Structures are given as structure tokens and as C-alpha cells.
Amino acid sequence: GEWDGLVFSAAGRAPHGPIDKLDTSLTKELMDIKFWGAYHCAKHIVPKLRDGGACVFVSGVLNRRPGINCSPLACTNGALEGLTRSLALEFGPRIRVNCMSPGICDT
């Protein structure tokens, strides 16, 4: 059957620190989970959404207002928001594609 919507939210602990001290494999893992996870879900689900359906990704504010030592999450969120804009053009107006970018929360 057809789907009404897709919501993709991948939360977790992002690598954080000066870029010259970060383990690149941790940043790659973050991209694999948050960006590539969203990409593959969209690739396989969004074409199956019924007319008027919605695709929502959850990003974060750090790509627009980056903090010190947060480059991995800032670039991952930027990639996710770029994917959102591209898919909105590709699938709109049949499917709404949006990205929520909540601010920093103490968790």
C-alpha cells in the first residue's frame, strides 16, 4: 500500500572537539547514520508516498549557528538540509518535504 509520510530522526552523541583532534571515523559514522540513513529512507519511501504525503527530517541548528568544536554535527546537519531542499524540488508539490531544526536542548 501507499504510505502517508516519513519522519526521520537520528539522535545520538556527535563527536565534538577541535577538528585536528577528532577521530575521522567518528565523523564518518555520524554521516552514515544521520545523513545516509535519511538519504536511503527517502530513496526507498518517498516515491511510495501518496499524493499530499509528507517527508520530515530532523536536523539541528548547528549548521546555521555552529558552536565551537561542533564541526561534525554542523556539516552533517548542513548535508541533511541540502537533501531536504533538493527533495522538495524533486517531489513537490505532490509531496511536502521539510526539515525541522530544533535548537540546543540540555539532555
N, C-alpha and C. Protein backbone atom coordinates (compact mmCIF):
# COMPACT_ATOMS: atom_id res chain seq x y z
N GLY A 1 0.80 -1.19 0.00
CA GLY A 1 0.00 0.00 0.00
C GLY A 1 0.84 1.25 0.00
N GLU A 2 0.17 2.36 -0.14
CA GLU A 2 0.85 3.64 -0.11
C GLU A 2 1.07 4.11 1.32
N TRP A 3 2.05 4.94 1.49
CA TRP A 3 2.39 5.50 2.79
C TRP A 3 1.90 6.93 2.85
N ASP A 4 1.59 7.40 4.07
CA ASP A 4 1.19 8.80 4.28
C ASP A 4 2.39 9.70 4.50
N GLY A 5 3.41 9.19 5.17
CA GLY A 5 4.54 10.05 5.47
C GLY A 5 5.75 9.30 5.97
N LEU A 6 6.83 10.04 6.03
CA LEU A 6 8.10 9.56 6.56
C LEU A 6 8.63 10.61 7.51
N VAL A 7 9.01 10.20 8.71
CA VAL A 7 9.71 11.08 9.65
C VAL A 7 11.02 10.40 9.98
N PHE A 8 12.12 11.11 9.75
CA PHE A 8 13.44 10.54 10.02
C PHE A 8 14.15 11.41 11.06
N SER A 9 14.46 10.81 12.19
CA SER A 9 15.18 11.50 13.25
C SER A 9 16.23 10.55 13.80
N ALA A 10 17.48 10.92 13.68
CA ALA A 10 18.56 10.10 14.22
C ALA A 10 19.30 10.91 15.27
N ALA A 11 19.12 10.55 16.51
CA ALA A 11 19.76 11.27 17.61
C ALA A 11 20.87 10.42 18.19
N GLY A 12 21.78 11.05 18.82
CA GLY A 12 22.88 10.34 19.46
C GLY A 12 23.95 11.32 19.86
N ARG A 13 25.04 10.80 20.25
CA ARG A 13 26.15 11.65 20.69
C ARG A 13 27.08 11.89 19.50
N ALA A 14 27.21 13.14 19.12
CA ALA A 14 28.08 13.51 17.99
C ALA A 14 29.50 13.75 18.49
N PRO A 15 30.50 13.42 17.67
CA PRO A 15 31.87 13.74 18.05
C PRO A 15 32.02 15.24 18.19
N HIS A 16 32.83 15.64 19.13
CA HIS A 16 32.92 17.06 19.43
C HIS A 16 34.31 17.36 19.97
N GLY A 17 34.91 18.40 19.44
CA GLY A 17 36.25 18.80 19.84
C GLY A 17 36.94 19.50 18.69
N PRO A 18 38.17 19.95 18.92
CA PRO A 18 38.92 20.60 17.83
C PRO A 18 39.11 19.62 16.67
N ILE A 19 38.93 20.11 15.46
CA ILE A 19 38.95 19.22 14.28
C ILE A 19 40.25 18.43 14.16
N ASP A 20 41.37 19.04 14.58
CA ASP A 20 42.65 18.32 14.46
C ASP A 20 42.80 17.21 15.51
N LYS A 21 41.89 17.15 16.46
CA LYS A 21 41.94 16.11 17.49
C LYS A 21 40.85 15.05 17.30
N LEU A 22 39.93 15.28 16.37
CA LEU A 22 38.80 14.36 16.18
C LEU A 22 39.22 13.12 15.39
N ASP A 23 38.64 12.01 15.77
CA ASP A 23 38.81 10.76 15.04
C ASP A 23 37.87 10.82 13.83
N THR A 24 38.42 10.83 12.63
CA THR A 24 37.63 10.95 11.41
C THR A 24 36.59 9.84 11.30
N SER A 25 36.89 8.68 11.81
CA SER A 25 35.93 7.58 11.71
C SER A 25 34.65 7.88 12.49
N LEU A 26 34.73 8.65 13.57
CA LEU A 26 33.53 9.01 14.32
C LEU A 26 32.65 9.99 13.53
N THR A 27 33.29 10.90 12.81
CA THR A 27 32.54 11.83 11.96
C THR A 27 31.90 11.07 10.81
N LYS A 28 32.62 10.13 10.23
CA LYS A 28 32.07 9.31 9.15
C LYS A 28 30.87 8.50 9.66
N GLU A 29 30.97 7.97 10.86
CA GLU A 29 29.86 7.21 11.45
C GLU A 29 28.63 8.11 11.63
N LEU A 30 28.83 9.34 12.08
CA LEU A 30 27.73 10.28 12.23
C LEU A 30 27.06 10.55 10.88
N MET A 31 27.87 10.78 9.84
CA MET A 31 27.31 11.00 8.50
C MET A 31 26.56 9.75 8.01
N ASP A 32 27.12 8.58 8.28
CA ASP A 32 26.46 7.33 7.87
C ASP A 32 25.09 7.20 8.51
N ILE A 33 24.98 7.53 9.78
CA ILE A 33 23.71 7.37 10.49
C ILE A 33 22.73 8.48 10.13
N LYS A 34 23.17 9.72 10.29
CA LYS A 34 22.22 10.84 10.18
C LYS A 34 21.93 11.24 8.73
N PHE A 35 22.96 11.39 7.91
CA PHE A 35 22.72 11.80 6.52
C PHE A 35 22.36 10.61 5.63
N TRP A 36 23.23 9.61 5.59
CA TRP A 36 22.98 8.49 4.68
C TRP A 36 21.75 7.68 5.10
N GLY A 37 21.46 7.63 6.40
CA GLY A 37 20.22 6.98 6.85
C GLY A 37 19.00 7.69 6.28
N ALA A 38 19.00 9.02 6.36
CA ALA A 38 17.90 9.80 5.80
C ALA A 38 17.83 9.64 4.29
N TYR A 39 18.97 9.68 3.63
CA TYR A 39 19.03 9.54 2.18
C TYR A 39 18.40 8.22 1.73
N HIS A 40 18.81 7.13 2.36
CA HIS A 40 18.30 5.82 1.94
C HIS A 40 16.83 5.64 2.29
N CYS A 41 16.39 6.16 3.43
CA CYS A 41 14.96 6.11 3.75
C CYS A 41 14.17 6.89 2.70
N ALA A 42 14.63 8.08 2.36
CA ALA A 42 13.94 8.89 1.36
C ALA A 42 13.94 8.20 0.00
N LYS A 43 15.05 7.62 -0.37
CA LYS A 43 15.16 6.96 -1.67
C LYS A 43 14.12 5.85 -1.83
N HIS A 44 13.88 5.12 -0.76
CA HIS A 44 13.00 3.96 -0.85
C HIS A 44 11.56 4.23 -0.43
N ILE A 45 11.33 5.26 0.38
CA ILE A 45 9.98 5.52 0.89
C ILE A 45 9.28 6.66 0.18
N VAL A 46 9.96 7.79 -0.03
CA VAL A 46 9.29 8.97 -0.58
C VAL A 46 8.59 8.69 -1.92
N PRO A 47 9.18 7.95 -2.85
CA PRO A 47 8.45 7.67 -4.10
C PRO A 47 7.15 6.89 -3.88
N LYS A 48 7.01 6.22 -2.74
CA LYS A 48 5.82 5.43 -2.45
C LYS A 48 4.76 6.21 -1.66
N LEU A 49 5.06 7.46 -1.32
CA LEU A 49 4.10 8.25 -0.56
C LEU A 49 2.92 8.64 -1.45
N ARG A 50 1.74 8.65 -0.87
CA ARG A 50 0.55 9.05 -1.63
C ARG A 50 0.57 10.56 -1.86
N ASP A 51 -0.18 11.03 -2.82
CA ASP A 51 -0.30 12.46 -3.09
C ASP A 51 -0.71 13.18 -1.81
N GLY A 52 -0.07 14.27 -1.53
CA GLY A 52 -0.35 15.02 -0.31
C GLY A 52 0.42 14.51 0.89
N GLY A 53 1.26 13.51 0.70
CA GLY A 53 2.07 12.96 1.79
C GLY A 53 3.17 13.92 2.20
N ALA A 54 3.87 13.54 3.26
CA ALA A 54 4.91 14.41 3.80
C ALA A 54 6.14 13.60 4.19
N CYS A 55 7.28 14.22 4.00
CA CYS A 55 8.56 13.69 4.44
C CYS A 55 9.18 14.75 5.35
N VAL A 56 9.52 14.35 6.57
CA VAL A 56 10.09 15.29 7.53
C VAL A 56 11.40 14.72 8.07
N PHE A 57 12.45 15.50 7.97
CA PHE A 57 13.73 15.15 8.56
C PHE A 57 13.93 16.03 9.79
N VAL A 58 14.71 15.52 10.75
CA VAL A 58 15.05 16.32 11.93
C VAL A 58 16.55 16.55 11.89
N SER A 59 16.92 17.81 11.80
CA SER A 59 18.32 18.22 11.71
C SER A 59 18.71 18.87 13.04
N GLY A 60 19.19 20.06 12.99
CA GLY A 60 19.58 20.81 14.18
C GLY A 60 20.07 22.18 13.78
N VAL A 61 20.22 23.02 14.74
CA VAL A 61 20.54 24.42 14.48
C VAL A 61 22.03 24.66 14.20
N LEU A 62 22.87 23.68 14.46
CA LEU A 62 24.32 23.91 14.41
C LEU A 62 24.87 24.22 13.03
N ASN A 63 24.19 23.86 11.95
CA ASN A 63 24.75 24.23 10.65
C ASN A 63 24.52 25.72 10.36
N ARG A 64 23.50 26.31 10.97
CA ARG A 64 23.25 27.75 10.77
C ARG A 64 23.93 28.60 11.83
N ARG A 65 24.04 28.05 13.02
CA ARG A 65 24.70 28.76 14.12
C ARG A 65 25.66 27.79 14.80
N PRO A 66 26.77 27.50 14.12
CA PRO A 66 27.69 26.50 14.67
C PRO A 66 28.33 26.96 15.98
N GLY A 67 28.60 25.99 16.82
CA GLY A 67 29.33 26.25 18.05
C GLY A 67 30.79 25.85 17.87
N ILE A 68 31.58 26.24 18.82
CA ILE A 68 32.99 25.87 18.80
C ILE A 68 33.09 24.35 18.98
N ASN A 69 33.94 23.74 18.19
CA ASN A 69 34.23 22.30 18.30
C ASN A 69 33.05 21.41 17.90
N CYS A 70 32.17 21.92 17.07
CA CYS A 70 30.99 21.14 16.65
C CYS A 70 30.95 20.91 15.14
N SER A 71 32.10 20.91 14.48
CA SER A 71 32.12 20.80 13.02
C SER A 71 31.47 19.53 12.48
N PRO A 72 31.62 18.35 13.11
CA PRO A 72 30.98 17.17 12.53
C PRO A 72 29.45 17.29 12.46
N LEU A 73 28.84 17.75 13.53
CA LEU A 73 27.39 17.87 13.53
C LEU A 73 26.93 19.02 12.64
N ALA A 74 27.69 20.10 12.60
CA ALA A 74 27.33 21.22 11.74
C ALA A 74 27.31 20.80 10.27
N CYS A 75 28.32 20.08 9.83
CA CYS A 75 28.36 19.68 8.41
C CYS A 75 27.34 18.59 8.11
N THR A 76 27.08 17.70 9.05
CA THR A 76 26.06 16.67 8.84
C THR A 76 24.68 17.29 8.72
N ASN A 77 24.37 18.23 9.61
CA ASN A 77 23.07 18.92 9.54
C ASN A 77 22.96 19.72 8.24
N GLY A 78 24.04 20.33 7.80
CA GLY A 78 24.02 21.07 6.54
C GLY A 78 23.72 20.15 5.36
N ALA A 79 24.31 18.97 5.37
CA ALA A 79 24.05 18.00 4.29
C ALA A 79 22.60 17.55 4.31
N LEU A 80 22.05 17.34 5.50
CA LEU A 80 20.66 16.91 5.62
C LEU A 80 19.70 18.00 5.14
N GLU A 81 20.01 19.24 5.44
CA GLU A 81 19.15 20.33 4.98
C GLU A 81 19.28 20.53 3.47
N GLY A 82 20.45 20.30 2.91
CA GLY A 82 20.59 20.35 1.46
C GLY A 82 19.79 19.25 0.78
N LEU A 83 19.81 18.05 1.36
CA LEU A 83 19.00 16.95 0.84
C LEU A 83 17.51 17.33 0.88
N THR A 84 17.09 17.95 1.96
CA THR A 84 15.70 18.37 2.11
C THR A 84 15.29 19.31 0.99
N ARG A 85 16.11 20.32 0.74
CA ARG A 85 15.78 21.29 -0.32
C ARG A 85 15.72 20.63 -1.69
N SER A 86 16.65 19.73 -1.95
CA SER A 86 16.66 19.03 -3.25
C SER A 86 15.42 18.16 -3.42
N LEU A 87 15.06 17.42 -2.38
CA LEU A 87 13.90 16.54 -2.48
C LEU A 87 12.60 17.34 -2.56
N ALA A 88 12.56 18.50 -1.92
CA ALA A 88 11.36 19.35 -2.02
C ALA A 88 11.15 19.78 -3.47
N LEU A 89 12.21 20.08 -4.17
CA LEU A 89 12.10 20.45 -5.58
C LEU A 89 11.75 19.23 -6.43
N GLU A 90 12.33 18.10 -6.10
CA GLU A 90 12.12 16.88 -6.88
C GLU A 90 10.70 16.33 -6.74
N PHE A 91 10.16 16.34 -5.53
CA PHE A 91 8.87 15.69 -5.28
C PHE A 91 7.70 16.65 -5.11
N GLY A 92 7.99 17.95 -4.91
CA GLY A 92 6.90 18.91 -4.72
C GLY A 92 6.24 19.20 -6.05
N PRO A 93 5.02 19.62 -6.05
CA PRO A 93 4.15 19.84 -4.88
C PRO A 93 3.39 18.59 -4.45
N ARG A 94 3.63 17.45 -5.09
CA ARG A 94 2.89 16.22 -4.74
C ARG A 94 3.18 15.79 -3.30
N ILE A 95 4.44 15.92 -2.88
CA ILE A 95 4.87 15.53 -1.53
C ILE A 95 5.53 16.75 -0.88
N ARG A 96 5.16 17.02 0.36
CA ARG A 96 5.83 18.08 1.12
C ARG A 96 7.09 17.49 1.76
N VAL A 97 8.21 18.18 1.60
CA VAL A 97 9.46 17.73 2.21
C VAL A 97 9.98 18.89 3.05
N ASN A 98 10.14 18.63 4.35
CA ASN A 98 10.59 19.66 5.28
C ASN A 98 11.64 19.11 6.23
N CYS A 99 12.35 20.04 6.85
CA CYS A 99 13.36 19.67 7.84
C CYS A 99 13.16 20.53 9.07
N MET A 100 12.96 19.90 10.20
CA MET A 100 12.88 20.63 11.47
C MET A 100 14.29 20.78 12.02
N SER A 101 14.58 21.97 12.53
CA SER A 101 15.90 22.22 13.10
C SER A 101 15.76 22.77 14.51
N PRO A 102 15.51 21.88 15.48
CA PRO A 102 15.36 22.37 16.85
C PRO A 102 16.65 22.96 17.38
N GLY A 103 16.51 23.85 18.33
CA GLY A 103 17.67 24.46 18.96
C GLY A 103 18.34 23.49 19.93
N ILE A 104 19.34 23.98 20.61
CA ILE A 104 20.10 23.18 21.55
C ILE A 104 19.25 22.89 22.78
N CYS A 105 19.22 21.63 23.16
CA CYS A 105 18.44 21.19 24.34
C CYS A 105 19.38 20.51 25.32
N ASP A 106 19.24 20.81 26.57
CA ASP A 106 20.02 20.13 27.60
C ASP A 106 19.41 18.76 27.84
N THR A 107 20.14 17.72 27.46
CA THR A 107 19.60 16.36 27.61
C THR A 107 20.48 15.54 28.54
